[in-house]
Amino acid sequence: MISNHLNLVEQLRPKSNELTAQVEQYLAAGGKIEEAAPYNYKPKRSATATRCRQHRSHLFGAGLKRLPRQQMH
């Protein structure tokens, strides 16, 4: 699996070098690159995740009341 990733990295290296050269050219011409402040993005649950959660709760009896815990004297 690592060799597959390494092959992909090697395949994309020319594009990476081209992008690096373009960024350097932009910065040399007085361009600026700023990092935006993060915003609290939370992706929505996928429909599949919701269905799985509902299915599991049905299988394991979610919603059933627990019996009271017996106290030891």
N, C-alpha and C. Protein backbone atom coordinates (compact mmCIF):
# COMPACT_ATOMS: atom_id res chain seq x y z
N MET A 1 0.82 -1.19 0.00
CA MET A 1 0.00 0.00 0.00
C MET A 1 0.86 1.25 0.00
N ILE A 2 1.95 1.23 0.74
CA ILE A 2 2.83 2.39 0.78
C ILE A 2 3.43 2.63 -0.60
N SER A 3 3.79 1.56 -1.30
CA SER A 3 4.38 1.73 -2.62
C SER A 3 3.37 2.35 -3.59
N ASN A 4 2.07 2.05 -3.43
CA ASN A 4 1.06 2.69 -4.26
C ASN A 4 1.05 4.19 -4.03
N HIS A 5 1.15 4.59 -2.77
CA HIS A 5 1.14 6.01 -2.44
C HIS A 5 2.42 6.67 -2.95
N LEU A 6 3.53 5.98 -2.83
CA LEU A 6 4.79 6.53 -3.31
C LEU A 6 4.74 6.73 -4.82
N ASN A 7 4.15 5.77 -5.54
CA ASN A 7 4.02 5.92 -6.99
C ASN A 7 3.17 7.14 -7.33
N LEU A 8 2.11 7.36 -6.59
CA LEU A 8 1.24 8.50 -6.84
C LEU A 8 1.98 9.81 -6.57
N VAL A 9 2.76 9.84 -5.50
CA VAL A 9 3.55 11.03 -5.18
C VAL A 9 4.52 11.32 -6.32
N GLU A 10 5.18 10.28 -6.80
CA GLU A 10 6.14 10.47 -7.89
C GLU A 10 5.44 10.92 -9.17
N GLN A 11 4.24 10.42 -9.43
CA GLN A 11 3.50 10.84 -10.62
C GLN A 11 3.12 12.31 -10.54
N LEU A 12 2.78 12.78 -9.35
CA LEU A 12 2.32 14.15 -9.19
C LEU A 12 3.45 15.16 -8.97
N ARG A 13 4.68 14.69 -8.84
CA ARG A 13 5.80 15.59 -8.56
C ARG A 13 5.97 16.68 -9.61
N PRO A 14 5.86 16.41 -10.92
CA PRO A 14 6.00 17.50 -11.90
C PRO A 14 4.96 18.61 -11.71
N LYS A 15 3.71 18.24 -11.43
CA LYS A 15 2.67 19.25 -11.18
C LYS A 15 2.98 20.04 -9.91
N SER A 16 3.50 19.35 -8.90
CA SER A 16 3.85 20.02 -7.65
C SER A 16 4.97 21.04 -7.89
N ASN A 17 5.97 20.65 -8.66
CA ASN A 17 7.07 21.56 -8.97
C ASN A 17 6.57 22.76 -9.77
N GLU A 18 5.64 22.53 -10.69
CA GLU A 18 5.07 23.61 -11.49
C GLU A 18 4.30 24.59 -10.60
N LEU A 19 3.51 24.06 -9.69
CA LEU A 19 2.75 24.92 -8.77
C LEU A 19 3.69 25.71 -7.87
N THR A 20 4.76 25.08 -7.40
CA THR A 20 5.74 25.77 -6.56
C THR A 20 6.36 26.94 -7.31
N ALA A 21 6.70 26.72 -8.57
CA ALA A 21 7.29 27.79 -9.39
C ALA A 21 6.30 28.94 -9.58
N GLN A 22 5.03 28.61 -9.78
CA GLN A 22 4.01 29.65 -9.96
C GLN A 22 3.82 30.46 -8.69
N VAL A 23 3.83 29.80 -7.54
CA VAL A 23 3.68 30.51 -6.26
C VAL A 23 4.88 31.42 -6.03
N GLU A 24 6.08 30.93 -6.31
CA GLU A 24 7.28 31.75 -6.14
C GLU A 24 7.24 32.97 -7.05
N GLN A 25 6.76 32.79 -8.27
CA GLN A 25 6.63 33.90 -9.22
C GLN A 25 5.62 34.93 -8.70
N TYR A 26 4.52 34.45 -8.17
CA TYR A 26 3.49 35.33 -7.62
C TYR A 26 4.04 36.14 -6.44
N LEU A 27 4.77 35.47 -5.55
CA LEU A 27 5.32 36.16 -4.39
C LEU A 27 6.41 37.14 -4.81
N ALA A 28 7.21 36.79 -5.82
CA ALA A 28 8.26 37.68 -6.31
C ALA A 28 7.68 38.95 -6.93
N ALA A 29 6.47 38.84 -7.47
CA ALA A 29 5.82 40.00 -8.09
C ALA A 29 5.09 40.86 -7.06
N GLY A 30 5.25 40.53 -5.78
CA GLY A 30 4.63 41.33 -4.72
C GLY A 30 3.33 40.77 -4.19
N GLY A 31 2.96 39.59 -4.63
CA GLY A 31 1.73 38.97 -4.14
C GLY A 31 1.87 38.52 -2.69
N LYS A 32 0.76 38.43 -2.03
CA LYS A 32 0.75 37.99 -0.62
C LYS A 32 -0.20 36.82 -0.48
N ILE A 33 0.17 35.89 0.37
CA ILE A 33 -0.69 34.75 0.70
C ILE A 33 -0.96 34.83 2.19
N GLU A 34 -2.23 34.92 2.54
CA GLU A 34 -2.62 35.00 3.95
C GLU A 34 -3.39 33.76 4.34
N GLU A 35 -3.28 33.42 5.59
CA GLU A 35 -4.02 32.28 6.10
C GLU A 35 -5.29 32.79 6.78
N ALA A 36 -6.41 32.29 6.36
CA ALA A 36 -7.68 32.72 6.93
C ALA A 36 -7.88 32.10 8.31
N ALA A 37 -8.60 32.82 9.13
CA ALA A 37 -8.93 32.29 10.46
C ALA A 37 -9.89 31.11 10.29
N PRO A 38 -9.71 30.08 11.08
CA PRO A 38 -10.61 28.94 10.95
C PRO A 38 -12.02 29.30 11.39
N TYR A 39 -12.97 28.69 10.78
CA TYR A 39 -14.35 28.85 11.20
C TYR A 39 -14.84 27.48 11.63
N ASN A 40 -15.75 27.44 12.53
CA ASN A 40 -16.18 26.19 13.16
C ASN A 40 -17.12 25.40 12.25
N TYR A 41 -16.55 24.87 11.20
CA TYR A 41 -17.33 24.06 10.26
C TYR A 41 -17.50 22.65 10.83
N LYS A 42 -18.73 22.20 10.88
CA LYS A 42 -19.01 20.84 11.31
C LYS A 42 -19.85 20.20 10.22
N PRO A 43 -19.32 19.19 9.55
CA PRO A 43 -20.08 18.58 8.47
C PRO A 43 -21.35 17.91 8.99
N LYS A 44 -22.37 17.91 8.15
CA LYS A 44 -23.61 17.25 8.53
C LYS A 44 -23.40 15.75 8.52
N ARG A 45 -24.18 15.06 9.34
CA ARG A 45 -24.14 13.61 9.33
C ARG A 45 -24.68 13.12 8.00
N SER A 46 -24.03 12.12 7.47
CA SER A 46 -24.54 11.55 6.22
C SER A 46 -25.77 10.71 6.53
N ALA A 47 -26.58 10.51 5.53
CA ALA A 47 -27.80 9.71 5.70
C ALA A 47 -27.44 8.29 6.10
N THR A 48 -26.33 7.79 5.56
CA THR A 48 -25.90 6.42 5.88
C THR A 48 -25.56 6.30 7.36
N ALA A 49 -24.85 7.26 7.90
CA ALA A 49 -24.48 7.22 9.31
C ALA A 49 -25.72 7.27 10.19
N THR A 50 -26.69 8.08 9.80
CA THR A 50 -27.92 8.17 10.56
C THR A 50 -28.68 6.86 10.53
N ARG A 51 -28.78 6.25 9.35
CA ARG A 51 -29.48 4.96 9.24
C ARG A 51 -28.78 3.89 10.06
N CYS A 52 -27.44 3.88 10.04
CA CYS A 52 -26.70 2.87 10.81
C CYS A 52 -26.96 3.05 12.30
N ARG A 53 -26.96 4.30 12.75
CA ARG A 53 -27.20 4.56 14.16
C ARG A 53 -28.59 4.11 14.56
N GLN A 54 -29.58 4.38 13.72
CA GLN A 54 -30.94 3.97 14.03
C GLN A 54 -31.05 2.46 14.05
N HIS A 55 -30.38 1.80 13.11
CA HIS A 55 -30.44 0.35 13.04
C HIS A 55 -29.81 -0.27 14.28
N ARG A 56 -28.65 0.24 14.68
CA ARG A 56 -27.97 -0.29 15.87
C ARG A 56 -28.83 -0.10 17.10
N SER A 57 -29.46 1.05 17.22
CA SER A 57 -30.25 1.29 18.43
C SER A 57 -31.43 0.32 18.49
N HIS A 58 -31.96 -0.03 17.34
CA HIS A 58 -33.05 -1.00 17.30
C HIS A 58 -32.54 -2.38 17.72
N LEU A 59 -31.35 -2.74 17.25
CA LEU A 59 -30.81 -4.06 17.58
C LEU A 59 -30.48 -4.21 19.05
N PHE A 60 -29.97 -3.15 19.65
CA PHE A 60 -29.50 -3.26 21.02
C PHE A 60 -30.48 -2.71 22.04
N GLY A 61 -31.70 -2.50 21.64
CA GLY A 61 -32.76 -2.15 22.59
C GLY A 61 -32.66 -0.76 23.18
N ALA A 62 -32.22 0.19 22.39
CA ALA A 62 -32.19 1.56 22.90
C ALA A 62 -33.62 1.99 23.22
N GLY A 63 -33.79 2.70 24.26
CA GLY A 63 -35.12 3.15 24.63
C GLY A 63 -35.73 2.28 25.72
N LEU A 64 -35.13 1.15 26.00
CA LEU A 64 -35.64 0.32 27.09
C LEU A 64 -35.20 0.92 28.41
N LYS A 65 -36.04 0.85 29.39
CA LYS A 65 -35.70 1.40 30.68
C LYS A 65 -34.80 0.43 31.42
N ARG A 66 -33.82 1.00 32.10
CA ARG A 66 -32.95 0.18 32.92
C ARG A 66 -33.63 -0.17 34.22
N LEU A 67 -33.32 -1.35 34.68
CA LEU A 67 -33.82 -1.73 36.00
C LEU A 67 -33.01 -0.97 37.04
N PRO A 68 -33.64 -0.62 38.16
CA PRO A 68 -32.89 0.11 39.17
C PRO A 68 -31.76 -0.77 39.73
N ARG A 69 -30.68 -0.14 40.06
CA ARG A 69 -29.52 -0.83 40.59
C ARG A 69 -29.79 -1.23 42.04
N GLN A 70 -29.49 -2.46 42.35
CA GLN A 70 -29.72 -2.92 43.73
C GLN A 70 -28.62 -2.37 44.62
N GLN A 71 -29.04 -1.85 45.74
CA GLN A 71 -28.07 -1.29 46.67
C GLN A 71 -27.59 -2.39 47.60
N MET A 72 -26.30 -2.36 47.85
CA MET A 72 -25.72 -3.36 48.75
C MET A 72 -25.72 -2.78 50.17
N HIS A 73 -26.19 -3.57 51.11
CA HIS A 73 -26.24 -3.11 52.50
C HIS A 73 -25.15 -3.75 53.30
